[in-house]
Amino acid sequence: MRVWCGRWRPIRPAFEAFMLHPGQGGFVRSTASRVWLVGDDPQMTAVLEGWLAPAGYACQRLSSAEAASRLAAGKLGVERVILDACSHAAGFDLLPQLRATGVPVTMLVEAEDLPMIETSLRSGASGFLVKPVEPRTVLAALGLPGGEAAPQWGGYFPFRTLEDVAGLSQLVAGLCPDPASVQIALSELMINAIEHGNLGLGFDRKCALMAAGAWRNEVERLLGSPEHAAGFALLRVECRPREIRFLIRDQGQGFDPAPYLNLNPTRSVEPHGRGIAIARMLAFPDLVFLDGGRCVEGVVRRKG
């Protein structure tokens, strides 16, 4: 099923690279086993290795200078790179060289460093980890599409909690001309991906939870349960010359978005059910749903 709301159409290669396998409770394990951990904060790279090694990744910890030397000598031999852009500017300077090899690069960035994120998006970063990070988020990031499979112009951000939604939506909305409106629109769509997609909360169930003042507690309980502990959603951001594209993908069973595209007077007394319509009105008039409602894509036009 595909639902288009407006004249714009998605680019199919970008959508296909964004596909996940729904209903499996987590990302499909990456075939990559050898990973460079590059940065000038030895403590941070040691922490990353401590998380990745038990999961079967063979890690090499390198300073920026060591990585540059190996690149110059043509000695790469890895399938993935995590590049710590927080510890030293020299780390970021390696991104174009690394991407020229075809190896996907995941950037470790500070939450308030929007200029670094935008520059990295334009320079070919495949994915992002925004500090503070936790082990399962790092593992999820390494399972994202990369290299030739990933479309140009942008990168992926894994998210799974309401706190992730609040931080990420505010962060990437800063790339847009009207960040306040985009932040609200993204937040609505990302929360839908968590609660309705990954956690499977239906419309009636959410109504009952909100009426009892128990919605947030139930979402947090479900996120902490073993059944949903490995579940993630994805936010993909593409910085193009004339537009910024946002794709949100969950691992749920999908739904029919048609009844929710516009404000419905018959649901005006309900405590929820207007998020998609609000997102369209505020920021994404040409909203696109794909893959049975599991993927939604919106575009913000740049001014000028």
Foldseek 3Di string as FASTA:
>chain_A
DKDWQDDDDDDVLQVVLQDAAFPPLAGDQDPWAEEEEEADPVVVSVVLCVLCVVVRHHYDYYYLVRVVVCLVVVNDPGQEYEFECPHDVSRLVCLLSVVVVQRAYEYEEELQPLVSQQVSLQSFHAYYDYPPDDSLQVSRQSSHDGGPSHDHQKYKHKDAALVRLLSVLQRVLVVAPDSVLSSLLSSLVQVCQHVCFQQNQDPVNCLVCVVVVNNRVVSVVSCPDPSNVNFIKMWMWGDDPWKIKIKIAGRGPAADCVVACADDPVCPPGPDSNSNVSSCVRAFSGWMADDRRRMIMGMHTHDD
